[in-house]
């Protein structure tokens, strides 16, 4: 397929991936309102997320979440360079920009991906809004342009998607497992079935 350079440069160029955050370690620096928001987003996607939190001041809600979850480590102190050891992902939720720049540079030296709250230009990745219905998860990104719109769009999708969508996905998996024939036949058959299902919605 011939894709022009113009089309490659237009619109949202982010590459969407879904991380198994129970298998990697995330460092969250900051325990205030923004830190709480980031922590809740991680736990909403996977209650077993492994998170190390470092913060001088920590909201009561953050402390409660850490106390209830054995996979969360909470350190009430200033950030130390050693906090980046054995870490795979970094999220900064502080208003201290010199500190944010310092940690970002240290993370870059270790080839760690980093997100800095409300600073798209400092981010390697964004925490987009997600819609979750059982095993179905839809990621929404506005390329950092309007998180508020992403949130509203998420709410719309959550309302419109049926609560029994997970039963449908389970049935489709069972059907896929029962199909006989080569790969091309299975793909064509599943495409036909899912196309008909979408048309009936």
N, C-alpha and C. Protein backbone atom coordinates (compact mmCIF):
# COMPACT_ATOMS: atom_id res chain seq x y z
N UNK A 1 0.85 -1.19 0.00
CA UNK A 1 0.00 0.00 0.00
C UNK A 1 0.88 1.24 0.00
N UNK A 2 0.60 2.17 -0.88
CA UNK A 2 1.38 3.39 -1.01
C UNK A 2 0.81 4.46 -0.09
N UNK A 3 1.59 4.83 0.93
CA UNK A 3 1.16 5.84 1.88
C UNK A 3 2.04 7.07 1.69
N UNK A 4 1.44 8.19 1.37
CA UNK A 4 2.21 9.40 1.11
C UNK A 4 2.80 9.96 2.39
N UNK A 5 3.88 10.74 2.24
CA UNK A 5 4.50 11.39 3.40
C UNK A 5 3.52 12.35 4.07
N UNK A 6 2.66 12.96 3.25
CA UNK A 6 1.69 13.90 3.79
C UNK A 6 0.72 13.22 4.74
N UNK A 7 0.20 12.05 4.32
CA UNK A 7 -0.76 11.35 5.17
C UNK A 7 -0.11 10.84 6.44
N UNK A 8 1.20 10.50 6.36
CA UNK A 8 1.89 10.03 7.54
C UNK A 8 2.03 11.12 8.60
N UNK A 9 2.12 12.37 8.17
CA UNK A 9 2.37 13.46 9.10
C UNK A 9 1.10 14.08 9.66
N UNK A 10 -0.05 13.70 9.13
CA UNK A 10 -1.29 14.32 9.55
C UNK A 10 -1.91 13.61 10.75
N UNK A 11 -2.57 14.39 11.60
CA UNK A 11 -3.38 13.82 12.68
C UNK A 11 -2.55 13.20 13.79
N UNK A 12 -3.18 12.25 14.48
CA UNK A 12 -2.60 11.62 15.66
C UNK A 12 -1.63 10.52 15.24
N UNK A 13 -0.36 10.71 15.52
CA UNK A 13 0.66 9.74 15.11
C UNK A 13 1.08 8.81 16.25
N UNK A 14 0.37 8.87 17.38
CA UNK A 14 0.73 8.01 18.51
C UNK A 14 0.49 6.55 18.18
N UNK A 15 1.38 5.68 18.68
CA UNK A 15 1.24 4.24 18.48
C UNK A 15 0.59 3.63 19.72
N UNK A 16 -0.64 3.13 19.61
CA UNK A 16 -1.35 2.61 20.80
C UNK A 16 -0.87 1.22 21.18
N UNK A 17 -0.59 1.04 22.46
CA UNK A 17 -0.25 -0.29 22.98
C UNK A 17 -1.00 -0.48 24.31
N UNK A 18 -1.18 -1.73 24.69
CA UNK A 18 -1.80 -2.05 25.98
C UNK A 18 -0.76 -2.79 26.81
N UNK A 19 -0.36 -2.19 27.92
CA UNK A 19 0.69 -2.74 28.76
C UNK A 19 0.12 -3.64 29.85
N UNK A 20 0.84 -4.71 30.17
CA UNK A 20 0.50 -5.57 31.30
C UNK A 20 1.16 -4.99 32.54
N UNK A 21 0.47 -4.04 33.18
CA UNK A 21 1.10 -3.29 34.26
C UNK A 21 1.21 -4.09 35.56
N UNK A 22 0.73 -5.32 35.55
CA UNK A 22 0.99 -6.21 36.69
C UNK A 22 2.31 -6.94 36.52
N UNK A 23 2.92 -6.82 35.32
CA UNK A 23 4.18 -7.50 35.04
C UNK A 23 5.36 -6.54 34.95
N UNK A 24 5.10 -5.25 35.02
CA UNK A 24 6.17 -4.26 35.02
C UNK A 24 6.03 -3.39 36.26
N UNK A 25 7.06 -2.59 36.56
CA UNK A 25 7.02 -1.73 37.74
C UNK A 25 6.94 -0.28 37.31
N UNK A 26 5.97 0.41 37.85
CA UNK A 26 5.75 1.82 37.53
C UNK A 26 6.15 2.69 38.72
N UNK A 27 6.93 3.72 38.44
CA UNK A 27 7.27 4.70 39.47
C UNK A 27 6.37 5.91 39.31
N UNK A 28 5.66 6.27 40.37
CA UNK A 28 4.81 7.45 40.41
C UNK A 28 5.39 8.43 41.41
N UNK A 29 5.80 9.60 40.92
CA UNK A 29 6.37 10.63 41.79
C UNK A 29 5.31 11.70 42.00
N UNK A 30 4.87 11.85 43.24
CA UNK A 30 3.82 12.82 43.56
C UNK A 30 2.61 12.12 44.16
N UNK A 31 2.14 12.63 45.28
CA UNK A 31 1.01 11.99 45.96
C UNK A 31 -0.13 12.93 46.24
N UNK A 32 -0.20 14.03 45.48
CA UNK A 32 -1.30 14.99 45.65
C UNK A 32 -2.50 14.63 44.80
N UNK A 33 -3.28 15.63 44.42
CA UNK A 33 -4.49 15.38 43.63
C UNK A 33 -4.17 14.72 42.29
N UNK A 34 -3.13 15.21 41.62
CA UNK A 34 -2.76 14.63 40.32
C UNK A 34 -2.20 13.23 40.50
N UNK A 35 -1.39 13.04 41.54
CA UNK A 35 -0.87 11.71 41.81
C UNK A 35 -1.98 10.71 42.08
N UNK A 36 -2.99 11.15 42.84
CA UNK A 36 -4.14 10.29 43.12
C UNK A 36 -4.86 9.93 41.82
N UNK A 37 -5.04 10.91 40.94
CA UNK A 37 -5.71 10.67 39.66
C UNK A 37 -4.96 9.64 38.83
N UNK A 38 -3.63 9.74 38.79
CA UNK A 38 -2.82 8.80 38.02
C UNK A 38 -2.87 7.40 38.64
N UNK A 39 -2.81 7.35 39.97
CA UNK A 39 -2.87 6.06 40.65
C UNK A 39 -4.20 5.38 40.41
N UNK A 40 -5.28 6.14 40.51
CA UNK A 40 -6.61 5.57 40.27
C UNK A 40 -6.75 5.07 38.84
N UNK A 41 -6.14 5.79 37.88
CA UNK A 41 -6.20 5.35 36.49
C UNK A 41 -5.47 4.02 36.31
N UNK A 42 -4.32 3.88 36.95
CA UNK A 42 -3.58 2.62 36.86
C UNK A 42 -4.39 1.47 37.46
N UNK A 43 -4.95 1.71 38.64
CA UNK A 43 -5.68 0.64 39.34
C UNK A 43 -7.01 0.33 38.66
N UNK A 44 -7.60 1.32 37.99
CA UNK A 44 -8.84 1.06 37.26
C UNK A 44 -8.58 0.06 36.13
N UNK A 45 -7.44 0.20 35.48
CA UNK A 45 -7.11 -0.69 34.38
C UNK A 45 -6.65 -2.06 34.88
N UNK A 46 -5.94 -2.08 36.00
CA UNK A 46 -5.51 -3.36 36.58
C UNK A 46 -5.31 -3.19 38.08
N UNK A 47 -6.19 -3.76 38.90
CA UNK A 47 -6.07 -3.63 40.36
C UNK A 47 -4.77 -4.23 40.89
N UNK A 48 -4.08 -5.04 40.06
CA UNK A 48 -2.84 -5.68 40.49
C UNK A 48 -1.61 -4.95 39.97
N UNK A 49 -1.79 -3.71 39.51
CA UNK A 49 -0.66 -2.93 39.01
C UNK A 49 0.41 -2.78 40.08
N UNK A 50 1.66 -2.91 39.66
CA UNK A 50 2.79 -2.76 40.58
C UNK A 50 3.27 -1.32 40.51
N UNK A 51 3.06 -0.57 41.60
CA UNK A 51 3.36 0.86 41.60
C UNK A 51 4.21 1.23 42.81
N UNK A 52 5.29 1.95 42.54
CA UNK A 52 6.12 2.53 43.61
C UNK A 52 5.84 4.02 43.63
N UNK A 53 5.38 4.52 44.77
CA UNK A 53 5.03 5.94 44.90
C UNK A 53 6.05 6.63 45.80
N UNK A 54 6.58 7.75 45.31
CA UNK A 54 7.50 8.57 46.10
C UNK A 54 6.92 9.97 46.17
N UNK A 55 6.71 10.48 47.39
CA UNK A 55 6.09 11.80 47.53
C UNK A 55 6.42 12.39 48.89
N UNK A 56 6.71 13.68 48.90
CA UNK A 56 6.94 14.39 50.16
C UNK A 56 5.64 14.55 50.94
N UNK A 57 4.58 14.88 50.21
CA UNK A 57 3.26 15.03 50.81
C UNK A 57 2.29 14.09 50.09
N UNK A 58 1.50 13.38 50.86
CA UNK A 58 0.63 12.36 50.28
C UNK A 58 -0.80 12.52 50.79
N UNK A 59 -1.75 12.54 49.86
CA UNK A 59 -3.15 12.64 50.24
C UNK A 59 -3.59 11.38 50.98
N UNK A 60 -4.59 11.57 51.83
CA UNK A 60 -5.11 10.45 52.61
C UNK A 60 -5.59 9.33 51.70
N UNK A 61 -6.22 9.69 50.57
CA UNK A 61 -6.74 8.67 49.65
C UNK A 61 -5.63 7.81 49.06
N UNK A 62 -4.49 8.45 48.77
CA UNK A 62 -3.35 7.70 48.24
C UNK A 62 -2.84 6.71 49.29
N UNK A 63 -2.75 7.18 50.52
CA UNK A 63 -2.29 6.31 51.61
C UNK A 63 -3.23 5.12 51.80
N UNK A 64 -4.54 5.38 51.69
CA UNK A 64 -5.51 4.30 51.86
C UNK A 64 -5.41 3.27 50.76
N UNK A 65 -5.23 3.74 49.51
CA UNK A 65 -5.08 2.81 48.40
C UNK A 65 -3.82 1.96 48.56
N UNK A 66 -2.74 2.61 49.01
CA UNK A 66 -1.48 1.88 49.21
C UNK A 66 -1.62 0.85 50.33
N UNK A 67 -2.35 1.23 51.36
CA UNK A 67 -2.53 0.31 52.50
C UNK A 67 -3.34 -0.91 52.11
N UNK A 68 -4.32 -0.73 51.20
CA UNK A 68 -5.20 -1.84 50.80
C UNK A 68 -4.56 -2.74 49.74
N UNK A 69 -3.53 -2.24 49.04
CA UNK A 69 -2.99 -2.98 47.90
C UNK A 69 -1.54 -3.38 48.15
N UNK A 70 -1.26 -4.69 48.24
CA UNK A 70 0.11 -5.14 48.52
C UNK A 70 1.08 -4.87 47.38
N UNK A 71 0.57 -4.55 46.19
CA UNK A 71 1.45 -4.28 45.06
C UNK A 71 1.88 -2.81 44.98
N UNK A 72 1.42 -2.00 45.93
CA UNK A 72 1.79 -0.58 45.95
C UNK A 72 2.77 -0.33 47.09
N UNK A 73 3.89 0.27 46.75
CA UNK A 73 4.87 0.69 47.75
C UNK A 73 4.81 2.21 47.87
N UNK A 74 4.71 2.71 49.08
CA UNK A 74 4.61 4.16 49.31
C UNK A 74 5.79 4.62 50.16
N UNK A 75 6.53 5.61 49.64
CA UNK A 75 7.65 6.19 50.37
C UNK A 75 7.40 7.68 50.55
N UNK A 76 7.19 8.10 51.78
CA UNK A 76 6.93 9.51 52.08
C UNK A 76 8.26 10.25 52.28
N UNK A 77 8.87 10.61 51.17
CA UNK A 77 10.15 11.30 51.19
C UNK A 77 10.40 11.91 49.82
N UNK A 78 11.53 12.64 49.72
CA UNK A 78 11.91 13.23 48.44
C UNK A 78 12.41 12.16 47.48
N UNK A 79 12.29 12.43 46.19
CA UNK A 79 12.80 11.53 45.16
C UNK A 79 14.31 11.36 45.28
N UNK A 80 14.76 10.13 45.08
CA UNK A 80 16.18 9.82 45.03
C UNK A 80 16.49 9.13 43.70
N UNK A 81 17.68 9.34 43.21
CA UNK A 81 18.06 8.75 41.93
C UNK A 81 17.89 7.24 41.94
N UNK A 82 18.12 6.63 43.09
CA UNK A 82 18.00 5.17 43.20
C UNK A 82 16.57 4.68 43.01
N UNK A 83 15.59 5.59 43.09
CA UNK A 83 14.19 5.19 42.91
C UNK A 83 13.92 4.66 41.51
N UNK A 84 14.81 4.97 40.56
CA UNK A 84 14.62 4.53 39.18
C UNK A 84 15.14 3.12 38.94
N UNK A 85 15.80 2.55 39.94
CA UNK A 85 16.32 1.19 39.77
C UNK A 85 15.18 0.18 39.75
N UNK A 86 15.28 -0.77 38.83
CA UNK A 86 14.28 -1.84 38.65
C UNK A 86 12.90 -1.28 38.31
N UNK A 87 12.87 -0.13 37.63
CA UNK A 87 11.62 0.50 37.20
C UNK A 87 11.53 0.41 35.68
N UNK A 88 10.31 0.23 35.18
CA UNK A 88 10.10 0.11 33.74
C UNK A 88 9.39 1.33 33.15
N UNK A 89 8.58 2.01 33.96
CA UNK A 89 7.74 3.11 33.48
C UNK A 89 7.72 4.19 34.54
N UNK A 90 7.74 5.47 34.12
CA UNK A 90 7.78 6.57 35.07
C UNK A 90 6.64 7.54 34.80
N UNK A 91 5.93 7.92 35.87
CA UNK A 91 4.87 8.92 35.79
C UNK A 91 5.15 10.00 36.81
N UNK A 92 5.25 11.24 36.36
CA UNK A 92 5.52 12.36 37.25
C UNK A 92 4.25 13.17 37.46
N UNK A 93 3.88 13.36 38.72
CA UNK A 93 2.66 14.10 39.06
C UNK A 93 3.00 15.17 40.07
N UNK A 94 4.03 15.96 39.76
CA UNK A 94 4.44 17.03 40.66
C UNK A 94 4.38 18.37 39.92
N UNK A 95 4.27 19.44 40.68
CA UNK A 95 4.29 20.79 40.10
C UNK A 95 5.70 21.38 40.14
N UNK A 96 6.66 20.58 40.57
CA UNK A 96 8.06 21.02 40.67
C UNK A 96 8.76 20.77 39.33
N UNK A 97 8.77 21.78 38.46
CA UNK A 97 9.31 21.59 37.12
C UNK A 97 10.81 21.30 37.10
N UNK A 98 11.65 21.96 37.92
CA UNK A 98 13.06 21.57 37.94
C UNK A 98 13.24 20.09 38.29
N UNK A 99 12.45 19.60 39.26
CA UNK A 99 12.52 18.19 39.62
C UNK A 99 12.05 17.32 38.46
N UNK A 100 10.96 17.73 37.81
CA UNK A 100 10.45 16.96 36.67
C UNK A 100 11.51 16.84 35.57
N UNK A 101 12.19 17.93 35.27
CA UNK A 101 13.24 17.91 34.24
C UNK A 101 14.40 17.02 34.68
N UNK A 102 14.75 17.09 35.94
CA UNK A 102 15.84 16.26 36.45
C UNK A 102 15.51 14.77 36.30
N UNK A 103 14.30 14.40 36.74
CA UNK A 103 13.91 12.99 36.67
C UNK A 103 13.78 12.54 35.22
N UNK A 104 13.25 13.42 34.38
CA UNK A 104 13.12 13.07 32.96
C UNK A 104 14.47 12.77 32.35
N UNK A 105 15.47 13.59 32.65
CA UNK A 105 16.81 13.36 32.10
C UNK A 105 17.41 12.05 32.62
N UNK A 106 17.20 11.77 33.91
CA UNK A 106 17.70 10.52 34.48
C UNK A 106 16.99 9.32 33.85
N UNK A 107 15.68 9.46 33.62
CA UNK A 107 14.91 8.38 33.01
C UNK A 107 15.38 8.13 31.57
N UNK A 108 15.64 9.21 30.84
CA UNK A 108 16.10 9.08 29.46
C UNK A 108 17.44 8.35 29.40
N UNK A 109 18.32 8.64 30.36
CA UNK A 109 19.61 7.96 30.40
C UNK A 109 19.44 6.46 30.56
N UNK A 110 18.37 6.05 31.24
CA UNK A 110 18.10 4.63 31.47
C UNK A 110 17.14 4.05 30.44
N UNK A 111 16.79 4.85 29.44
CA UNK A 111 15.85 4.44 28.37
C UNK A 111 14.49 4.03 28.94
N UNK A 112 14.04 4.78 29.95
CA UNK A 112 12.72 4.54 30.55
C UNK A 112 11.71 5.49 29.92
N UNK A 113 10.54 5.00 29.63
CA UNK A 113 9.47 5.84 29.12
C UNK A 113 8.87 6.65 30.26
N UNK A 114 8.53 7.91 29.98
CA UNK A 114 8.09 8.80 31.04
C UNK A 114 6.89 9.62 30.61
N UNK A 115 6.00 9.85 31.58
CA UNK A 115 4.85 10.74 31.40
C UNK A 115 4.93 11.83 32.46
N UNK A 116 4.82 13.08 32.01
CA UNK A 116 4.83 14.22 32.93
C UNK A 116 3.46 14.87 32.86
N UNK A 117 2.75 14.87 33.97
CA UNK A 117 1.37 15.36 33.98
C UNK A 117 1.29 16.79 33.48
N UNK A 118 0.35 17.01 32.54
CA UNK A 118 0.05 18.34 32.00
C UNK A 118 1.21 18.97 31.24
N UNK A 119 2.20 18.19 30.84
CA UNK A 119 3.32 18.69 30.05
C UNK A 119 3.55 17.77 28.85
N UNK A 120 2.69 17.86 27.83
CA UNK A 120 2.80 16.95 26.68
C UNK A 120 4.17 16.96 26.03
N UNK A 121 4.83 18.11 26.03
CA UNK A 121 6.13 18.21 25.36
C UNK A 121 7.22 17.41 26.07
N UNK A 122 6.99 17.05 27.34
CA UNK A 122 7.97 16.27 28.10
C UNK A 122 7.64 14.78 28.13
N UNK A 123 6.54 14.40 27.52
CA UNK A 123 6.05 13.02 27.62
C UNK A 123 6.55 12.13 26.48
N UNK A 124 6.86 10.88 26.82
CA UNK A 124 7.08 9.84 25.82
C UNK A 124 5.77 9.12 25.50
N UNK A 125 4.81 9.20 26.40
CA UNK A 125 3.51 8.57 26.22
C UNK A 125 2.48 9.34 27.01
N UNK A 126 1.21 9.18 26.62
CA UNK A 126 0.10 9.81 27.33
C UNK A 126 -0.75 8.73 28.00
N UNK A 127 -1.40 9.10 29.08
CA UNK A 127 -2.37 8.22 29.72
C UNK A 127 -3.74 8.57 29.18
N UNK A 128 -4.16 7.89 28.13
CA UNK A 128 -5.43 8.18 27.50
C UNK A 128 -6.60 7.65 28.32
N UNK A 129 -7.79 8.12 27.98
CA UNK A 129 -9.00 7.59 28.60
C UNK A 129 -9.27 6.18 28.07
N UNK A 130 -9.83 5.33 28.91
CA UNK A 130 -10.15 3.97 28.48
C UNK A 130 -11.57 3.62 28.85
N UNK A 131 -12.20 2.85 27.98
CA UNK A 131 -13.52 2.28 28.23
C UNK A 131 -13.32 0.79 28.45
N UNK A 132 -13.83 0.27 29.56
CA UNK A 132 -13.67 -1.14 29.88
C UNK A 132 -15.01 -1.78 30.16
N UNK A 133 -15.29 -2.82 29.39
CA UNK A 133 -16.49 -3.64 29.62
C UNK A 133 -16.04 -5.10 29.57
N UNK A 134 -15.79 -5.68 30.73
CA UNK A 134 -15.28 -7.04 30.77
C UNK A 134 -13.92 -7.12 30.08
N UNK A 135 -13.82 -7.98 29.06
CA UNK A 135 -12.57 -8.14 28.33
C UNK A 135 -12.39 -7.14 27.20
N UNK A 136 -13.40 -6.33 26.96
CA UNK A 136 -13.28 -5.29 25.94
C UNK A 136 -12.70 -4.03 26.55
N UNK A 137 -11.65 -3.52 25.93
CA UNK A 137 -11.06 -2.25 26.38
C UNK A 137 -10.79 -1.40 25.16
N UNK A 138 -11.25 -0.15 25.21
CA UNK A 138 -11.07 0.79 24.11
C UNK A 138 -10.25 1.97 24.62
N UNK A 139 -9.14 2.27 23.95
CA UNK A 139 -8.32 3.40 24.32
C UNK A 139 -8.68 4.63 23.50
N UNK A 140 -8.69 5.80 24.15
CA UNK A 140 -9.06 7.05 23.48
C UNK A 140 -7.94 8.07 23.68
N UNK A 141 -7.49 8.66 22.60
CA UNK A 141 -6.45 9.67 22.68
C UNK A 141 -6.79 10.86 21.78
N UNK A 142 -6.56 12.06 22.30
CA UNK A 142 -6.71 13.28 21.48
C UNK A 142 -5.33 13.87 21.19
N UNK A 143 -4.28 13.04 21.33
CA UNK A 143 -2.91 13.48 21.07
C UNK A 143 -2.53 14.65 21.98
N UNK A 144 -3.07 14.63 23.20
CA UNK A 144 -2.76 15.67 24.17
C UNK A 144 -3.51 16.98 23.96
N UNK A 145 -4.41 17.01 22.96
CA UNK A 145 -5.10 18.26 22.63
C UNK A 145 -6.22 18.60 23.62
N UNK A 146 -7.00 17.57 24.02
CA UNK A 146 -8.12 17.86 24.91
C UNK A 146 -8.48 16.62 25.75
N UNK A 147 -7.83 16.43 26.89
CA UNK A 147 -8.20 15.33 27.78
C UNK A 147 -9.66 15.38 28.20
N UNK A 148 -10.23 16.59 28.28
CA UNK A 148 -11.63 16.73 28.68
C UNK A 148 -12.55 16.09 27.65
N UNK A 149 -12.26 16.29 26.36
CA UNK A 149 -13.07 15.66 25.32
C UNK A 149 -12.94 14.14 25.39
N UNK A 150 -11.71 13.66 25.62
CA UNK A 150 -11.49 12.22 25.72
C UNK A 150 -12.33 11.63 26.85
N UNK A 151 -12.41 12.37 27.95
CA UNK A 151 -13.21 11.91 29.09
C UNK A 151 -14.69 11.85 28.73
N UNK A 152 -15.21 12.89 28.06
CA UNK A 152 -16.63 12.91 27.68
C UNK A 152 -16.94 11.81 26.67
N UNK A 153 -16.03 11.59 25.72
CA UNK A 153 -16.22 10.55 24.72
C UNK A 153 -16.22 9.17 25.38
N UNK A 154 -15.36 9.01 26.38
CA UNK A 154 -15.34 7.76 27.14
C UNK A 154 -16.68 7.51 27.82
N UNK A 155 -17.22 8.55 28.44
CA UNK A 155 -18.51 8.41 29.12
C UNK A 155 -19.61 8.03 28.14
N UNK A 156 -19.56 8.59 26.93
CA UNK A 156 -20.56 8.27 25.92
C UNK A 156 -20.47 6.80 25.52
N UNK A 157 -19.24 6.31 25.32
CA UNK A 157 -19.06 4.92 24.92
C UNK A 157 -19.47 3.97 26.04
N UNK A 158 -19.15 4.33 27.27
CA UNK A 158 -19.52 3.47 28.40
C UNK A 158 -21.03 3.32 28.49
N UNK A 159 -21.75 4.38 28.15
CA UNK A 159 -23.21 4.33 28.20
C UNK A 159 -23.79 3.53 27.04
N UNK A 160 -23.16 3.65 25.86
CA UNK A 160 -23.74 3.04 24.66
C UNK A 160 -23.40 1.55 24.53
N UNK A 161 -22.28 1.11 25.09
CA UNK A 161 -21.90 -0.29 24.97
C UNK A 161 -22.73 -1.16 25.90
N UNK A 162 -23.20 -2.27 25.39
CA UNK A 162 -24.05 -3.17 26.17
C UNK A 162 -23.26 -3.81 27.30
N UNK A 163 -23.92 -4.04 28.43
CA UNK A 163 -23.26 -4.66 29.57
C UNK A 163 -22.97 -6.14 29.33
N UNK A 164 -23.63 -6.75 28.35
CA UNK A 164 -23.39 -8.17 28.08
C UNK A 164 -22.37 -8.38 26.95
N UNK A 165 -21.59 -7.34 26.65
CA UNK A 165 -20.59 -7.44 25.59
C UNK A 165 -19.58 -8.54 25.90
N UNK A 166 -19.30 -8.77 27.20
CA UNK A 166 -18.32 -9.79 27.56
C UNK A 166 -18.84 -11.19 27.22
N UNK A 167 -20.16 -11.40 27.34
CA UNK A 167 -20.73 -12.69 26.94
C UNK A 167 -20.55 -12.91 25.45
N UNK A 168 -20.74 -11.83 24.68
CA UNK A 168 -20.55 -11.91 23.24
C UNK A 168 -19.11 -12.28 22.89
N UNK A 169 -18.15 -11.65 23.57
CA UNK A 169 -16.75 -11.94 23.30
C UNK A 169 -16.41 -13.38 23.66
N UNK A 170 -16.99 -13.87 24.76
CA UNK A 170 -16.76 -15.26 25.15
C UNK A 170 -17.31 -16.23 24.11
N UNK A 171 -18.50 -15.92 23.59
CA UNK A 171 -19.09 -16.78 22.56
C UNK A 171 -18.27 -16.77 21.29
N UNK A 172 -17.74 -15.60 20.93
CA UNK A 172 -16.90 -15.51 19.73
C UNK A 172 -15.61 -16.29 19.91
N UNK A 173 -15.05 -16.29 21.10
CA UNK A 173 -13.84 -17.07 21.35
C UNK A 173 -14.13 -18.55 21.20
N UNK A 174 -15.27 -19.00 21.77
CA UNK A 174 -15.63 -20.41 21.66
C UNK A 174 -15.85 -20.80 20.20
N UNK A 175 -16.46 -19.89 19.44
CA UNK A 175 -16.67 -20.15 18.03
C UNK A 175 -15.35 -20.25 17.29
N UNK A 176 -14.45 -19.32 17.57
CA UNK A 176 -13.13 -19.34 16.93
C UNK A 176 -12.40 -20.64 17.22
N UNK A 177 -12.48 -21.09 18.48
CA UNK A 177 -11.78 -22.32 18.86
C UNK A 177 -12.39 -23.55 18.18
N UNK A 178 -13.68 -23.48 17.83
CA UNK A 178 -14.35 -24.64 17.24
C UNK A 178 -14.25 -24.70 15.72
N UNK A 179 -13.84 -23.59 15.10
CA UNK A 179 -13.77 -23.56 13.64
C UNK A 179 -12.70 -24.51 13.11
N UNK A 180 -13.03 -25.19 12.02
CA UNK A 180 -12.08 -26.08 11.34
C UNK A 180 -11.72 -25.45 10.00
N UNK A 181 -10.54 -25.72 9.54
CA UNK A 181 -10.11 -25.17 8.26
C UNK A 181 -8.82 -24.40 8.43
N UNK A 182 -8.31 -23.86 7.31
CA UNK A 182 -7.05 -23.14 7.39
C UNK A 182 -7.25 -21.73 7.94
N UNK A 183 -6.16 -21.01 8.10
CA UNK A 183 -6.19 -19.69 8.70
C UNK A 183 -7.09 -18.73 7.92
N UNK A 184 -6.97 -18.74 6.59
CA UNK A 184 -7.75 -17.83 5.76
C UNK A 184 -9.25 -18.08 5.91
N UNK A 185 -9.63 -19.34 5.98
CA UNK A 185 -11.05 -19.66 6.14
C UNK A 185 -11.57 -19.13 7.48
N UNK A 186 -10.78 -19.33 8.55
CA UNK A 186 -11.20 -18.88 9.87
C UNK A 186 -11.36 -17.36 9.90
N UNK A 187 -10.40 -16.65 9.29
CA UNK A 187 -10.47 -15.19 9.27
C UNK A 187 -11.71 -14.72 8.52
N UNK A 188 -11.97 -15.32 7.35
CA UNK A 188 -13.12 -14.92 6.55
C UNK A 188 -14.43 -15.20 7.29
N UNK A 189 -14.50 -16.35 7.94
CA UNK A 189 -15.73 -16.71 8.67
C UNK A 189 -15.96 -15.76 9.85
N UNK A 190 -14.92 -15.47 10.61
CA UNK A 190 -15.06 -14.58 11.76
C UNK A 190 -15.37 -13.15 11.31
N UNK A 191 -14.78 -12.74 10.20
CA UNK A 191 -15.09 -11.41 9.66
C UNK A 191 -16.57 -11.30 9.30
N UNK A 192 -17.09 -12.35 8.69
CA UNK A 192 -18.50 -12.36 8.29
C UNK A 192 -19.40 -12.28 9.52
N UNK A 193 -19.10 -13.09 10.52
CA UNK A 193 -19.94 -13.14 11.72
C UNK A 193 -19.92 -11.80 12.46
N UNK A 194 -18.73 -11.24 12.67
CA UNK A 194 -18.63 -9.99 13.41
C UNK A 194 -19.22 -8.82 12.62
N UNK A 195 -19.12 -8.87 11.29
CA UNK A 195 -19.72 -7.81 10.46
C UNK A 195 -21.24 -7.84 10.61
N UNK A 196 -21.81 -9.03 10.61
CA UNK A 196 -23.26 -9.16 10.76
C UNK A 196 -23.71 -8.70 12.16
N UNK A 197 -22.88 -8.99 13.17
CA UNK A 197 -23.23 -8.56 14.52
C UNK A 197 -23.24 -7.04 14.65
N UNK A 198 -22.24 -6.39 14.05
CA UNK A 198 -22.16 -4.94 14.12
C UNK A 198 -23.33 -4.30 13.39
N UNK A 199 -23.73 -4.87 12.26
CA UNK A 199 -24.86 -4.33 11.50
C UNK A 199 -26.16 -4.38 12.27
N UNK A 200 -26.28 -5.35 13.17
CA UNK A 200 -27.53 -5.50 13.93
C UNK A 200 -27.59 -4.58 15.13
N UNK A 201 -26.48 -3.93 15.47
CA UNK A 201 -26.46 -3.06 16.65
C UNK A 201 -27.26 -1.79 16.39
